[in-house]
Every structure is written in C-alpha cells, then in structure tokens.
Amino acid sequence: MHSATSHFETLALHAGQSVDKTLSRGVPVYRTNAYLFRNTEHAANLFALKELGNIYTRLMNPTTDALETRITQLEGGAASVALSSGTAAIFNTIITLAEAGDNIVASRNLYGGTYTQFDAILPKLGIDVIFVDPSNPEEIQSAINPKTRAVYIETISNPTLDYTDIRAAAAVAHENGLPLVVDATFTTPFLLRSIELGADIVINSLSKWIGGHGTAIGGSVTDAGRFDWAQGKHPLFTEPDSNYHGIHWARDLPEELAPIAFALRLRTVPLRNLGACISPDNSWIFLQGLETLHVRMERHSENAMHIAEHLLRHPKVSWIRYPGLQQDPSHKTASRDLKKGFGGMVVFGPKGGFEAAVRIIDTIRIFSHVANVGDAKSLILHPASTSHSQLSEVQLRRGGISQDLIRLSIGLEHRDDLTRALDEVLEKC
C-alpha cells in the first residue's frame, strides 16, 4: 500500500496499518488490557525481548502500535513510544537517560510545564538541569560536564517563538558524546524532520497539531536509531540494568534491536513500571489527526503569516514575534530549515502593556481563551499569568516572557475574520 519512500501525505494516511482479517479500512480500536500467550515459551520470549508482541496495554496495544509506527515513519526515525501526555513523554525520556547525580543541559526558554519539571521536580529526584541560551553553542558547551547525559531544546520555543539552530546544538552534543533531545511540538514532522538535522530523540505533544482538534491528551517519543549508547557516557545503557533482568542495553540486544535501545528501555522500564500509558481510544483519535496533518499545517502556517504581517503594521502593536517575518531574530535560521511554513503560533505585545493585554483577551471574539495550542480553532492566552505563572520574574525575563505578551494559536477560520476580531479589540486599547 505504501513504501518507506512514500511522500509524507501518503504515509500520514497509510503508515502503520496492516489490514486485519476483518478487512476494516479504518484502524480498529483494541479495547483490551491483556493478550493471550500461545504457550509458556511464547510468554517467556516476549518478556525476554527474544520476540516482540503484545503483552499488556500498558506496554503496547495494536491501535497504539499503528500510531507509533506512523509517527516513526513521518519523523524518519527507527522506533516510537506513545505515552499518556507530552509532559509524560518528556519525563520518561529524561529518566530513561539519567539517574540521581546526573544532569542535562536544557534551553532556558521552555514551555512552562517543562521548565517547572526541570527546575523543581527533577532536582528533587537528584537530576539537575543546567539552563542555557540555546542560540549560543559556546554556552551549551561550557555547561556540559562529565555527569551530563543529554542536551534538550525545543524547535520553536513556547511561547517566545525563538527558532533553535538544531544543527549547531547537535554538533555540540555529539562532540561530547551526548544525544540531542528535541521537543518538536510547534513544528510537527510535517514542517520539520528534526532527525534529518541531527536530533537523536524527538518528542511531540500529540495533544496539539497532530491531534489537531483539542479532543485528546497524549505524547510521543521517537528514537532516531543512530546514537551509540556504548560510548561510555550513559551508565544506564552500559551497566547491568536491575530494572530489566540485568540487561546491558548497549551490548546485549539482538543486532536488529540494537539501534532502538533507547526506545526499548523507555518502553520496558519507565513505561512498564510507572504506567504513563496512552489509551487505545486516544491513539485512535491521534491517528485521525495525522491523516490531515499536512493539510492543516499548511493552512495554520498561511493564516499565521497573514496575522503576523497584519499585526506588524498595526499602530496599536508594540512588538511581534513570528519566525516567518523577515524582521524576526530567528528568521534567517528558520527560513533555512522550515521550507513548508513557519507554524501556527504568533505572539505580540500591545501598546498599553499588561492592562491592554488583559482587555484584549477578555473581550476578543472568535479566539477561545484556553491553555492549549494547536487546535483547529484559534486560541489566545496570557502566558505570564497562566502557563508560565509558576516562574519567578527573573525566570520570566530570562525566558523572554514579558507581562504584555499575548500568545495566539492561529486556527483554520477565515483569516479575514481573525484579523477583524483582532482589529476590534486593538482599537479599544
């Protein structure tokens, strides 16, 4: 039905599905928690990774497997693991790589929930996070030490919309024997295949554009399948793992599974034992979203560009950020990598500061005031008092988040209706 060389649009519709004996055209939803073993040998082989198959839906499920396979092919990776949320995907990624006494080097301009996880939760587990300016490779390099286990960035930062030079970050990480972990939620695999630019692990919040309709929560982690875990920088892969039969992940796997050692450890250690599993119903919802991702991302990007250009000229707007604008600080690097569009997010500050921002959000039509992005509907938020409110004033400033910043997730409505709604509230500022 398709091949690995098929175009993105074809893979988005067909990858991951093997039509079963019912000949169902749609991917079925397998609502079961457990699966029969053919015999005791079959059961033992599954648990020993001598063969792959279904054991329990906390580990894998046929509906979720179709989703994971489709994401893997769209990202150009080797294996993916779906989880219950984007933040669960991030947390499980970090604890697959690092343990107490280790650290990771991460962008300082992260989504608020990720920043809090890195700043307040991981340190209590003994994993420190060193925050850096991701646009400065020298700063990334100087932060790395013998206990560093990964470099972590976002493709386009939430909410400041800084585009990170993935190639530059990957070069520093790889020179130090470290994997580059990339949260690609704001670009999706349609706008950017981070693996082609050097990413080793790619995280997506499926709840956003991949789902596309604000109807489910989920996350995914894609293993590029290229990183050499035997370099000596990752004891969790080179020393016996008491979590799973004393296996040496970098040495003991069969040749065909060795490239996906990271994905296998994530699935069989934290996912299996901590249980952040995605439901098959949510996996099915995300499969529906993937089928139209390419169509929607083109329109999201077109609408966002139109809105950004309109706000750039508006006399009541103090400043604006959108990577697609030639005046944007990230435009040069973003335009080199993002050939299909610059995404659906626009942020700006109105003249009148915080008070004007509040008035706009409280009175605007069409835009829904919710803590979400990536919906087919246009959304609006004031990050400093909501999604990033747990950050101190110093942390907000370091992350580039001002009190007047309004975050727009541009949806699929007619662009003239969106500009009219913005004009109405801006004129009242």
Protein backbone atom coordinates (compact mmCIF):
# COMPACT_ATOMS: atom_id res chain seq x y z
CA MET A 1 0.00 0.00 0.00
CA HIS A 2 2.94 2.31 0.65
CA SER A 3 6.70 2.17 0.99
CA ALA A 4 9.23 3.89 3.21
CA THR A 5 9.94 6.23 0.31
CA SER A 6 6.34 7.36 0.01
CA HIS A 7 5.61 11.07 0.38
CA PHE A 8 4.56 12.50 3.74
CA GLU A 9 0.91 12.80 2.69
CA THR A 10 0.74 9.11 1.77
CA LEU A 11 2.47 7.96 4.96
CA ALA A 12 0.14 10.13 7.06
CA LEU A 13 -2.82 8.18 5.69
CA HIS A 14 -1.43 4.65 5.45
CA ALA A 15 1.69 4.04 7.54
CA GLY A 16 1.39 1.68 10.47
CA GLN A 17 -1.75 -0.18 9.47
CA SER A 18 -1.76 -3.80 8.45
CA VAL A 19 -5.30 -4.62 7.46
CA ASP A 20 -6.52 -7.46 9.70
CA LYS A 21 -8.78 -10.40 8.91
CA THR A 22 -11.90 -8.26 9.26
CA LEU A 23 -10.66 -6.16 6.29
CA SER A 24 -11.54 -3.00 8.23
CA ARG A 25 -10.46 0.08 6.25
CA GLY A 26 -10.07 2.15 9.42
CA VAL A 27 -7.62 1.21 12.19
CA PRO A 28 -9.65 -0.70 14.81
CA VAL A 29 -9.68 0.34 18.47
CA TYR A 30 -8.42 -2.59 20.54
CA ARG A 31 -10.06 -2.05 23.93
CA THR A 32 -8.31 -4.76 25.89
CA ASN A 33 -5.77 -4.67 28.70
CA ALA A 34 -4.16 -8.08 28.20
CA TYR A 35 -3.28 -10.51 25.40
CA LEU A 36 -3.22 -14.29 25.24
CA PHE A 37 0.10 -16.12 25.13
CA ARG A 38 0.31 -19.10 22.81
CA ASN A 39 2.21 -21.06 25.46
CA THR A 40 4.72 -20.53 28.28
CA GLU A 41 7.65 -20.36 25.85
CA HIS A 42 5.92 -17.60 23.88
CA ALA A 43 5.27 -15.66 27.10
CA ALA A 44 8.87 -16.02 28.25
CA ASN A 45 10.23 -14.93 24.87
CA LEU A 46 8.11 -11.78 24.90
CA PHE A 47 9.33 -10.75 28.34
CA ALA A 48 12.95 -11.57 27.41
CA LEU A 49 12.74 -9.47 24.21
CA LYS A 50 13.56 -12.55 22.14
CA GLU A 51 10.50 -11.67 20.10
CA LEU A 52 8.23 -8.63 20.05
CA GLY A 53 4.49 -8.74 20.56
CA ASN A 54 1.58 -7.77 22.76
CA ILE A 55 1.68 -8.48 26.48
CA TYR A 56 -0.35 -5.78 28.22
CA THR A 57 -1.74 -2.46 27.00
CA ARG A 58 0.41 -0.58 29.49
CA LEU A 59 3.33 -1.66 27.29
CA MET A 60 1.77 -1.72 23.85
CA ASN A 61 -1.52 -2.12 22.03
CA PRO A 62 -2.29 -2.76 18.34
CA THR A 63 -4.04 0.59 17.92
CA THR A 64 -1.17 2.38 19.65
CA ASP A 65 1.34 0.38 17.62
CA ALA A 66 -0.23 1.73 14.41
CA LEU A 67 0.11 5.26 15.80
CA GLU A 68 3.73 4.70 16.87
CA THR A 69 4.69 3.21 13.51
CA ARG A 70 3.05 6.08 11.63
CA ILE A 71 4.84 8.71 13.75
CA THR A 72 8.15 6.86 13.29
CA GLN A 73 7.85 6.94 9.52
CA LEU A 74 6.72 10.56 9.44
CA GLU A 75 9.66 11.60 11.64
CA GLY A 76 12.13 9.45 9.70
CA GLY A 77 13.14 7.58 12.86
CA ALA A 78 13.63 3.95 13.89
CA ALA A 79 11.02 3.49 16.65
CA SER A 80 8.50 5.50 18.65
CA VAL A 81 6.78 5.13 22.00
CA ALA A 82 3.42 6.79 22.69
CA LEU A 83 2.59 7.95 26.20
CA SER A 84 -0.28 9.50 28.14
CA SER A 85 0.77 13.13 27.60
CA GLY A 86 3.52 15.32 26.20
CA THR A 87 4.86 16.04 29.68
CA ALA A 88 4.89 12.30 30.43
CA ALA A 89 6.88 11.82 27.23
CA ILE A 90 9.42 14.40 28.41
CA PHE A 91 9.73 12.98 31.94
CA ASN A 92 10.04 9.38 30.78
CA THR A 93 12.68 10.42 28.25
CA ILE A 94 14.82 12.09 30.91
CA ILE A 95 14.64 9.22 33.40
CA THR A 96 15.50 6.77 30.62
CA LEU A 97 18.75 8.70 30.12
CA ALA A 98 19.66 9.98 33.58
CA GLU A 99 19.61 8.98 37.24
CA ALA A 100 20.39 10.66 40.57
CA GLY A 101 23.69 12.51 40.33
CA ASP A 102 23.37 13.16 36.59
CA ASN A 103 22.32 16.33 34.79
CA ILE A 104 21.03 17.53 31.45
CA VAL A 105 21.69 20.81 29.66
CA ALA A 106 18.47 22.47 28.51
CA SER A 107 17.15 25.60 26.82
CA ARG A 108 16.09 28.28 29.25
CA ASN A 109 13.15 29.37 27.05
CA LEU A 110 11.00 26.27 27.52
CA TYR A 111 7.27 25.68 27.87
CA GLY A 112 6.27 26.49 31.46
CA GLY A 113 5.33 22.93 32.40
CA THR A 114 8.64 21.62 31.07
CA TYR A 115 10.57 24.36 32.84
CA THR A 116 8.92 23.52 36.17
CA GLN A 117 9.55 19.81 35.67
CA PHE A 118 13.22 20.56 35.01
CA ASP A 119 13.63 23.28 37.63
CA ALA A 120 11.58 21.95 40.55
CA ILE A 121 10.79 18.24 40.12
CA LEU A 122 13.84 16.59 38.56
CA PRO A 123 16.29 18.13 41.08
CA LYS A 124 14.28 16.55 43.91
CA LEU A 125 14.96 13.21 42.20
CA GLY A 126 18.67 14.01 42.03
CA ILE A 127 18.75 15.00 38.35
CA ASP A 128 19.95 18.56 37.88
CA VAL A 129 19.17 20.74 34.88
CA ILE A 130 21.55 23.44 33.66
CA PHE A 131 19.67 26.13 31.71
CA VAL A 132 21.41 27.84 28.80
CA ASP A 133 20.75 30.13 25.85
CA PRO A 134 20.17 27.57 23.05
CA SER A 135 21.22 30.11 20.40
CA ASN A 136 24.74 30.18 21.85
CA PRO A 137 26.67 26.92 21.14
CA GLU A 138 29.54 28.10 23.33
CA GLU A 139 27.18 28.42 26.29
CA ILE A 140 25.88 24.90 25.68
CA GLN A 141 29.46 23.62 25.50
CA SER A 142 30.53 25.34 28.72
CA ALA A 143 27.57 23.88 30.64
CA ILE A 144 28.40 20.26 29.76
CA ASN A 145 30.32 18.26 32.36
CA PRO A 146 31.13 14.56 32.94
CA LYS A 147 27.71 13.97 34.52
CA THR A 148 25.74 15.44 31.61
CA ARG A 149 23.56 12.88 29.83
CA ALA A 150 21.75 14.92 27.15
CA VAL A 151 21.17 18.31 25.55
CA TYR A 152 17.49 19.34 25.40
CA ILE A 153 15.92 22.00 23.15
CA GLU A 154 12.61 22.98 21.55
CA THR A 155 12.41 23.56 17.79
CA ILE A 156 10.32 26.72 18.25
CA SER A 157 10.16 27.80 21.86
CA ASN A 158 6.91 28.18 23.77
CA PRO A 159 5.87 30.99 23.97
CA THR A 160 8.66 33.28 22.72
CA LEU A 161 8.85 31.57 19.28
CA ASP A 162 12.64 31.51 19.11
CA TYR A 163 13.75 29.02 16.45
CA THR A 164 16.73 26.97 17.61
CA ASP A 165 19.57 26.02 15.25
CA ILE A 166 19.26 22.25 15.60
CA ARG A 167 22.38 21.55 13.57
CA ALA A 168 24.51 23.71 15.86
CA ALA A 169 23.06 22.19 19.03
CA ALA A 170 23.51 18.67 17.64
CA ALA A 171 27.14 19.36 16.76
CA VAL A 172 27.94 20.39 20.33
CA ALA A 173 26.03 17.44 21.81
CA HIS A 174 27.67 14.88 19.52
CA GLU A 175 31.16 16.29 20.07
CA ASN A 176 30.62 15.49 23.74
CA GLY A 177 29.16 12.02 23.16
CA LEU A 178 25.64 13.14 24.11
CA PRO A 179 22.25 12.75 22.42
CA LEU A 180 20.26 15.79 21.33
CA VAL A 181 16.66 15.65 22.56
CA VAL A 182 14.26 17.91 20.64
CA ASP A 183 10.70 18.85 21.56
CA ALA A 184 9.25 19.34 18.07
CA THR A 185 5.65 20.04 19.08
CA PHE A 186 5.48 23.50 17.47
CA THR A 187 6.77 22.29 14.11
CA THR A 188 5.41 18.73 13.83
CA PRO A 189 7.12 16.31 11.44
CA PHE A 190 5.35 17.97 8.51
CA LEU A 191 7.15 21.29 8.85
CA LEU A 192 10.43 19.85 10.12
CA ARG A 193 12.04 16.43 10.45
CA SER A 194 14.42 17.20 13.29
CA ILE A 195 16.22 13.88 12.89
CA GLU A 196 17.49 14.98 9.48
CA LEU A 197 19.16 17.96 11.20
CA GLY A 198 20.87 15.88 13.89
CA ALA A 199 18.28 15.16 16.58
CA ASP A 200 18.62 11.77 18.28
CA ILE A 201 15.34 11.78 20.21
CA VAL A 202 12.23 13.70 19.11
CA ILE A 203 9.29 14.44 21.42
CA ASN A 204 5.83 15.55 20.31
CA SER A 205 2.81 16.56 22.32
CA LEU A 206 0.18 14.71 20.31
CA SER A 207 -2.46 16.84 22.03
CA LYS A 208 -1.56 19.79 19.80
CA TRP A 209 -1.43 19.94 15.97
CA ILE A 210 -1.02 16.19 15.47
CA GLY A 211 -4.38 15.62 17.17
CA GLY A 212 -5.50 18.96 15.86
CA HIS A 213 -8.92 19.31 17.47
CA GLY A 214 -8.31 19.61 21.20
CA THR A 215 -10.03 16.30 21.93
CA ALA A 216 -7.35 14.06 23.47
CA ILE A 217 -4.15 14.07 25.53
CA GLY A 218 -1.03 12.15 24.51
CA GLY A 219 2.66 12.35 23.72
CA SER A 220 5.26 10.50 21.67
CA VAL A 221 9.00 9.89 21.75
CA THR A 222 10.83 8.92 18.55
CA ASP A 223 14.24 7.24 18.62
CA ALA A 224 16.35 8.16 15.58
CA GLY A 225 18.17 4.83 15.94
CA ARG A 226 21.63 6.32 15.28
CA PHE A 227 23.10 7.16 18.67
CA ASP A 228 25.90 4.95 20.00
CA TRP A 229 24.98 4.22 23.61
CA ALA A 230 28.23 2.29 24.17
CA GLN A 231 30.41 5.41 24.20
CA GLY A 232 30.64 5.34 28.00
CA LYS A 233 28.60 8.47 28.77
CA HIS A 234 25.42 6.58 29.73
CA PRO A 235 25.83 4.05 32.56
CA LEU A 236 22.13 3.17 32.36
CA PHE A 237 22.92 1.60 28.99
CA THR A 238 26.40 0.19 29.63
CA GLU A 239 25.95 -1.27 33.13
CA PRO A 240 23.60 -4.12 34.14
CA ASP A 241 20.05 -2.82 34.48
CA SER A 242 18.37 -4.29 37.57
CA ASN A 243 15.06 -2.94 36.24
CA TYR A 244 15.08 -5.49 33.43
CA HIS A 245 16.85 -8.80 34.06
CA GLY A 246 20.30 -7.21 34.41
CA ILE A 247 20.48 -6.46 30.68
CA HIS A 248 23.26 -4.30 29.20
CA TRP A 249 21.19 -2.23 26.78
CA ALA A 250 24.20 -1.17 24.71
CA ARG A 251 25.55 -4.72 24.40
CA ASP A 252 23.00 -7.48 24.89
CA LEU A 253 20.25 -6.70 22.39
CA PRO A 254 19.93 -8.69 19.16
CA GLU A 255 21.51 -6.93 16.20
CA GLU A 256 18.16 -5.92 14.72
CA LEU A 257 17.07 -4.29 18.01
CA ALA A 258 20.36 -2.62 18.97
CA PRO A 259 19.63 0.66 17.11
CA ILE A 260 16.46 1.21 19.17
CA ALA A 261 17.98 0.53 22.58
CA PHE A 262 16.69 3.86 23.89
CA ALA A 263 13.10 3.23 22.77
CA LEU A 264 13.17 -0.29 24.21
CA ARG A 265 14.48 0.89 27.58
CA LEU A 266 11.87 3.63 27.72
CA ARG A 267 9.11 1.12 26.97
CA THR A 268 10.25 -1.70 29.25
CA VAL A 269 11.49 0.29 32.25
CA PRO A 270 9.63 3.57 32.99
CA LEU A 271 6.56 2.96 30.82
CA ARG A 272 6.11 -0.59 32.05
CA ASN A 273 6.74 0.15 35.72
CA LEU A 274 5.43 3.71 36.15
CA GLY A 275 2.47 3.31 33.82
CA ALA A 276 2.14 6.57 31.85
CA CYS A 277 0.41 4.66 29.06
CA ILE A 278 -1.86 6.14 26.43
CA SER A 279 -5.36 4.73 25.99
CA PRO A 280 -6.16 2.97 22.69
CA ASP A 281 -9.07 5.38 22.20
CA ASN A 282 -6.73 8.37 22.35
CA SER A 283 -4.30 6.62 20.00
CA TRP A 284 -7.17 6.22 17.54
CA ILE A 285 -8.05 9.92 17.83
CA PHE A 286 -4.45 10.88 17.03
CA LEU A 287 -4.41 8.56 14.02
CA GLN A 288 -7.35 10.53 12.65
CA GLY A 289 -5.45 13.75 13.24
CA LEU A 290 -2.35 12.53 11.46
CA GLU A 291 -4.37 11.80 8.32
CA THR A 292 -4.97 15.52 7.77
CA LEU A 293 -1.87 16.99 9.43
CA HIS A 294 -0.27 18.07 6.16
CA VAL A 295 -3.40 19.90 5.01
CA ARG A 296 -3.97 21.62 8.33
CA MET A 297 -0.35 22.70 8.93
CA GLU A 298 -0.26 24.44 5.57
CA ARG A 299 -3.37 26.44 6.45
CA HIS A 300 -2.24 27.11 10.04
CA SER A 301 1.03 28.50 8.66
CA GLU A 302 -0.67 30.56 5.95
CA ASN A 303 -3.13 32.07 8.42
CA ALA A 304 -0.40 32.74 10.99
CA MET A 305 1.76 34.52 8.42
CA HIS A 306 -1.19 36.69 7.41
CA ILE A 307 -1.95 37.58 11.04
CA ALA A 308 1.72 38.28 11.80
CA GLU A 309 2.08 40.61 8.82
CA HIS A 310 -1.15 42.39 9.78
CA LEU A 311 -0.07 42.91 13.40
CA LEU A 312 3.38 44.05 12.28
CA ARG A 313 1.74 47.01 10.54
CA HIS A 314 -0.84 47.73 13.23
CA PRO A 315 -0.32 51.05 15.07
CA LYS A 316 -1.58 49.61 18.37
CA VAL A 317 1.01 46.78 18.43
CA SER A 318 4.26 47.43 20.27
CA TRP A 319 6.17 44.36 19.12
CA ILE A 320 5.60 40.98 17.44
CA ARG A 321 7.39 37.65 17.07
CA TYR A 322 6.85 35.16 14.26
CA PRO A 323 9.72 33.21 12.63
CA GLY A 324 8.26 33.82 9.18
CA LEU A 325 8.69 37.60 9.39
CA GLN A 326 11.91 38.85 7.82
CA GLN A 327 12.37 41.21 10.77
CA ASP A 328 12.23 38.36 13.30
CA PRO A 329 15.53 37.50 15.06
CA SER A 330 15.02 33.81 14.22
CA HIS A 331 14.05 34.29 10.59
CA LYS A 332 17.44 33.66 8.98
CA THR A 333 17.89 30.24 10.60
CA ALA A 334 14.20 29.34 10.49
CA SER A 335 13.89 30.13 6.78
CA ARG A 336 16.85 27.84 6.07
CA ASP A 337 15.11 24.85 7.69
CA LEU A 338 11.37 25.48 7.51
CA LYS A 339 10.52 25.19 3.84
CA LYS A 340 6.82 24.32 4.22
CA GLY A 341 5.79 27.07 6.63
CA PHE A 342 6.63 28.61 9.98
CA GLY A 343 3.88 27.15 12.13
CA GLY A 344 0.65 28.37 13.64
CA MET A 345 1.85 30.46 16.59
CA VAL A 346 2.11 34.25 16.81
CA VAL A 347 3.00 36.29 19.90
CA PHE A 348 2.81 40.04 20.32
CA GLY A 349 2.65 42.87 22.83
CA PRO A 350 0.01 45.62 22.51
CA LYS A 351 0.70 49.24 23.24
CA GLY A 352 -0.68 49.78 26.72
CA GLY A 353 1.20 46.82 28.25
CA PHE A 354 -0.36 44.39 30.68
CA GLU A 355 -3.67 46.24 31.05
CA ALA A 356 -4.17 46.31 27.29
CA ALA A 357 -3.29 42.61 27.01
CA VAL A 358 -5.89 41.71 29.63
CA ARG A 359 -8.56 43.81 27.91
CA ILE A 360 -7.83 42.17 24.56
CA ILE A 361 -8.05 38.64 25.94
CA ASP A 362 -11.21 39.34 27.93
CA THR A 363 -13.14 40.92 25.05
CA ILE A 364 -11.94 39.31 21.81
CA ARG A 365 -14.33 37.37 19.60
CA ILE A 366 -13.65 34.03 17.81
CA PHE A 367 -10.41 33.35 19.73
CA SER A 368 -11.01 30.94 22.63
CA HIS A 369 -9.29 31.81 25.93
CA VAL A 370 -7.82 28.42 26.85
CA ALA A 371 -4.48 26.94 27.95
CA ASN A 372 -3.87 24.99 24.77
CA VAL A 373 -2.36 25.36 21.30
CA GLY A 374 -2.67 23.50 18.02
CA ASP A 375 -6.45 23.36 17.85
CA ALA A 376 -8.36 23.83 14.59
CA LYS A 377 -9.95 26.78 16.44
CA SER A 378 -7.95 29.93 17.18
CA LEU A 379 -6.84 30.28 20.80
CA ILE A 380 -5.48 33.10 22.96
CA LEU A 381 -3.59 33.18 26.28
CA HIS A 382 -1.57 35.43 28.59
CA PRO A 383 1.37 33.11 29.50
CA ALA A 384 2.86 35.24 32.30
CA SER A 385 -0.29 34.80 34.41
CA THR A 386 -1.22 31.26 33.31
CA SER A 387 1.00 28.67 31.62
CA HIS A 388 4.20 30.29 32.96
CA SER A 389 2.84 31.82 36.15
CA GLN A 390 4.90 29.49 38.34
CA LEU A 391 8.10 31.12 37.07
CA SER A 392 9.68 33.94 39.03
CA GLU A 393 10.01 37.40 37.49
CA VAL A 394 13.69 36.70 36.88
CA GLN A 395 12.92 33.38 35.18
CA LEU A 396 10.27 35.04 33.03
CA ARG A 397 12.73 37.70 31.90
CA ARG A 398 15.43 35.12 31.16
CA GLY A 399 12.90 33.20 29.08
CA GLY A 400 11.89 36.33 27.19
CA ILE A 401 8.33 36.34 28.58
CA SER A 402 7.06 39.86 29.24
CA GLN A 403 3.89 40.86 31.08
CA ASP A 404 2.36 42.20 27.87
CA LEU A 405 2.96 39.02 25.83
CA ILE A 406 -0.18 37.63 24.20
CA ARG A 407 0.08 34.13 22.70
CA LEU A 408 -2.05 33.36 19.67
CA SER A 409 -2.57 29.86 18.32
CA ILE A 410 -3.92 30.60 14.87
CA GLY A 411 -6.62 28.20 13.73
CA LEU A 412 -8.35 27.34 10.48
CA GLU A 413 -11.01 30.06 10.43
CA HIS A 414 -11.03 32.53 7.51
CA ARG A 415 -8.10 34.86 8.01
CA ASP A 416 -10.21 37.97 7.39
CA ASP A 417 -12.47 37.07 10.31
CA LEU A 418 -9.45 36.65 12.55
CA THR A 419 -7.89 39.99 11.58
CA ARG A 420 -11.25 41.71 12.05
CA ALA A 421 -11.57 40.25 15.55
CA LEU A 422 -8.07 41.44 16.46
CA ASP A 423 -8.67 44.90 14.99
CA GLU A 424 -11.84 45.32 17.04
CA VAL A 425 -10.08 44.79 20.37
CA LEU A 426 -6.87 46.61 19.43
CA GLU A 427 -8.79 49.74 18.54
CA LYS A 428 -10.18 49.81 22.10
CA CYS A 429 -6.74 49.67 23.73
